[in-house]
Amino acid sequence: MTDDEVLAHLRKHYRAANREKFEGILPEDYHIEWNPLLRRLTGRITYGLRLIEISTFHFRSYGYQDAVATLEHEMLHLYLYRRGLPSGHNHHFKREAQLRGIRVFHSNDYKRNQQPRDRWLYECPSCGRMVFRQRRREGQALACGICCRTLADGAWDERFCLRLVRMVRMV
């Protein structure tokens, strides 16, 4: 099935689940779209845009049933919102999810964002403090914030420019 065909199935499921699980009170004109930028979230809802987005990454990794579970989760947010109730992941949301057979959080095993292993180690020439940075700043001077605050009245001062010591491999 193509992504467009899957979206058509999800839209059809939206209408069916609206009748079967949400008493038909959800608006019929909500858009359901893919979002290729979502990695940590399986989906999200934006009430003002009348939009439910499903993570392309999670769909491709975990399949159609995962996308359906995500859609129903977002629909529950909308259901509570339409009823004027708090729609966050609170005790009310969890109770309604359990009553309707909707998952609250996914348990997909996927590689989460990891911090880069390499760090750049800098040293302050004044106080000797060691500072780690994730990126090396070529042509952009860094200064010791503590020395600038205490010895230069909070202003950037070149006397406290950090010196690059070396790149460190974190484990």
Protein backbone atom coordinates (compact mmCIF):
# COMPACT_ATOMS: atom_id res chain seq x y z
CA MET A 1 0.00 0.00 0.00
CA THR A 2 1.22 3.50 -0.75
CA ASP A 3 1.38 6.19 1.92
CA ASP A 4 -1.62 7.92 0.32
CA GLU A 5 -3.64 4.69 0.47
CA VAL A 6 -2.73 4.24 4.13
CA LEU A 7 -3.86 7.82 4.84
CA ALA A 8 -7.18 7.04 3.14
CA HIS A 9 -7.58 4.02 5.44
CA LEU A 10 -6.71 6.13 8.50
CA ARG A 11 -9.31 8.73 7.49
CA LYS A 12 -11.88 5.97 7.12
CA HIS A 13 -10.89 4.62 10.54
CA TYR A 14 -11.30 8.12 11.99
CA ARG A 15 -14.93 8.19 10.88
CA ALA A 16 -15.63 4.67 12.16
CA ALA A 17 -13.89 5.22 15.52
CA ASN A 18 -15.74 8.53 15.91
CA ARG A 19 -19.04 6.62 15.74
CA GLU A 20 -17.95 3.58 17.75
CA LYS A 21 -15.73 5.07 20.48
CA PHE A 22 -16.55 8.78 20.67
CA GLU A 23 -20.34 8.98 20.28
CA GLY A 24 -19.88 10.76 16.94
CA ILE A 25 -19.04 14.11 18.55
CA LEU A 26 -15.72 14.64 16.77
CA PRO A 27 -15.72 16.94 13.73
CA GLU A 28 -15.76 15.13 10.41
CA ASP A 29 -13.49 17.68 8.73
CA TYR A 30 -10.28 17.00 10.69
CA HIS A 31 -7.25 16.51 8.43
CA ILE A 32 -5.03 13.49 8.96
CA GLU A 33 -1.55 13.89 7.51
CA TRP A 34 1.91 12.36 7.67
CA ASN A 35 4.67 14.27 9.44
CA PRO A 36 8.14 13.05 8.44
CA LEU A 37 9.79 15.23 11.12
CA LEU A 38 8.23 13.48 14.12
CA ARG A 39 10.63 10.96 15.63
CA ARG A 40 10.08 10.98 19.39
CA LEU A 41 6.32 11.53 19.06
CA THR A 42 4.15 9.00 17.26
CA GLY A 43 1.62 11.72 16.50
CA ARG A 44 0.18 15.07 17.55
CA ILE A 45 -2.97 17.12 17.28
CA THR A 46 -3.30 20.84 16.54
CA TYR A 47 -6.82 22.00 17.38
CA GLY A 48 -6.60 25.39 15.65
CA LEU A 49 -5.57 23.82 12.34
CA ARG A 50 -7.99 20.90 12.73
CA LEU A 51 -5.06 18.60 12.09
CA ILE A 52 -3.87 15.23 13.34
CA GLU A 53 -0.34 14.32 12.28
CA ILE A 54 1.03 10.79 12.31
CA SER A 55 4.76 10.11 12.38
CA THR A 56 5.96 8.70 9.08
CA PHE A 57 8.97 7.26 10.91
CA HIS A 58 6.84 5.29 13.38
CA PHE A 59 4.44 4.10 10.69
CA ARG A 60 7.29 2.79 8.53
CA SER A 61 8.98 1.20 11.54
CA TYR A 62 5.95 -0.31 13.29
CA GLY A 63 3.17 -0.57 10.73
CA TYR A 64 -0.45 0.26 10.22
CA GLN A 65 -1.78 -0.92 13.59
CA ASP A 66 0.65 1.41 15.35
CA ALA A 67 -0.61 4.30 13.21
CA VAL A 68 -4.22 3.38 14.11
CA ALA A 69 -3.33 3.31 17.83
CA THR A 70 -1.71 6.73 17.48
CA LEU A 71 -4.74 8.10 15.61
CA GLU A 72 -7.14 6.90 18.33
CA HIS A 73 -4.89 8.41 21.01
CA GLU A 74 -5.03 11.79 19.27
CA MET A 75 -8.77 11.40 18.80
CA LEU A 76 -9.14 10.95 22.56
CA HIS A 77 -7.34 14.28 23.08
CA LEU A 78 -9.85 15.84 20.67
CA TYR A 79 -12.81 14.15 22.36
CA LEU A 80 -11.87 15.55 25.77
CA TYR A 81 -11.14 18.97 24.28
CA ARG A 82 -14.54 19.07 22.55
CA ARG A 83 -16.24 18.20 25.85
CA GLY A 84 -14.44 21.08 27.59
CA LEU A 85 -12.34 18.76 29.75
CA PRO A 86 -8.58 18.82 30.34
CA SER A 87 -7.08 16.94 27.42
CA GLY A 88 -3.52 16.31 28.61
CA HIS A 89 -2.15 12.98 29.81
CA ASN A 90 -3.82 13.31 33.20
CA HIS A 91 -5.73 10.75 35.29
CA HIS A 92 -8.98 11.55 33.42
CA PHE A 93 -7.31 10.93 30.03
CA LYS A 94 -5.86 7.63 31.27
CA ARG A 95 -9.20 6.46 32.65
CA GLU A 96 -11.01 7.31 29.39
CA ALA A 97 -8.26 5.59 27.39
CA GLN A 98 -8.66 2.42 29.45
CA LEU A 99 -12.46 2.48 29.06
CA ARG A 100 -12.17 2.86 25.28
CA GLY A 101 -9.27 0.45 24.73
CA ILE A 102 -6.84 3.17 23.66
CA ARG A 103 -3.17 3.17 24.55
CA VAL A 104 -1.80 6.13 26.46
CA PHE A 105 1.88 5.78 25.62
CA HIS A 106 3.57 3.60 23.04
CA SER A 107 6.12 1.01 24.04
CA ASN A 108 7.92 0.85 20.71
CA ASP A 109 11.54 -0.05 21.01
CA TYR A 110 13.38 2.46 18.90
CA LYS A 111 16.71 4.20 18.98
CA ARG A 112 16.20 7.36 20.96
CA ASN A 113 18.12 10.56 20.43
CA GLN A 114 21.61 10.09 21.73
CA GLN A 115 24.08 12.73 22.67
CA PRO A 116 27.07 12.91 20.37
CA ARG A 117 30.09 11.16 21.81
CA ASP A 118 32.60 13.82 20.86
CA ARG A 119 33.00 16.91 23.03
CA TRP A 120 35.37 19.82 22.70
CA LEU A 121 37.21 20.65 25.90
CA TYR A 122 38.02 24.32 26.54
CA GLU A 123 39.89 25.98 29.40
CA CYS A 124 39.53 29.47 30.85
CA PRO A 125 42.96 31.18 31.00
CA SER A 126 41.91 33.16 34.06
CA CYS A 127 40.25 30.69 36.44
CA GLY A 128 41.32 27.39 34.86
CA ARG A 129 37.78 26.05 34.61
CA MET A 130 37.28 23.30 32.05
CA VAL A 131 34.23 23.65 29.79
CA PHE A 132 32.78 21.02 27.45
CA ARG A 133 31.00 21.98 24.24
CA GLN A 134 29.34 19.76 21.65
CA ARG A 135 30.49 21.88 18.73
CA ARG A 136 33.80 23.44 17.95
CA ARG A 137 33.39 27.15 17.31
CA GLU A 138 35.66 27.99 14.41
CA GLY A 139 36.23 31.75 14.20
CA GLN A 140 33.79 32.39 17.02
CA ALA A 141 35.38 33.21 20.36
CA LEU A 142 33.92 31.74 23.52
CA ALA A 143 34.51 33.32 26.89
CA CYS A 144 34.18 31.98 30.42
CA GLY A 145 30.73 33.03 31.61
CA ILE A 146 31.68 32.96 35.28
CA CYS A 147 34.72 35.19 34.84
CA CYS A 148 32.80 37.59 32.58
CA ARG A 149 30.01 37.88 35.15
CA THR A 150 32.25 38.31 38.18
CA LEU A 151 35.24 40.20 36.79
CA ALA A 152 33.79 42.18 33.86
CA ASP A 153 30.38 43.20 35.24
CA GLY A 154 28.62 40.65 33.05
CA ALA A 155 30.08 41.91 29.77
CA TRP A 156 31.93 39.71 27.32
CA ASP A 157 35.67 40.23 27.82
CA GLU A 158 38.40 38.83 25.58
CA ARG A 159 40.67 38.32 28.61
CA PHE A 160 38.49 35.33 29.42
CA CYS A 161 38.39 33.74 25.95
CA LEU A 162 38.40 29.98 26.27
CA ARG A 163 41.35 28.09 24.84
CA LEU A 164 40.71 24.85 23.00
CA VAL A 165 42.45 22.04 24.85
CA ARG A 166 41.40 18.99 22.81
CA MET A 167 38.56 16.88 21.50
CA VAL A 168 37.38 14.27 23.99
CA ARG A 169 35.64 11.02 23.07
CA MET A 170 32.82 10.40 25.58
CA VAL A 171 31.84 6.80 26.35
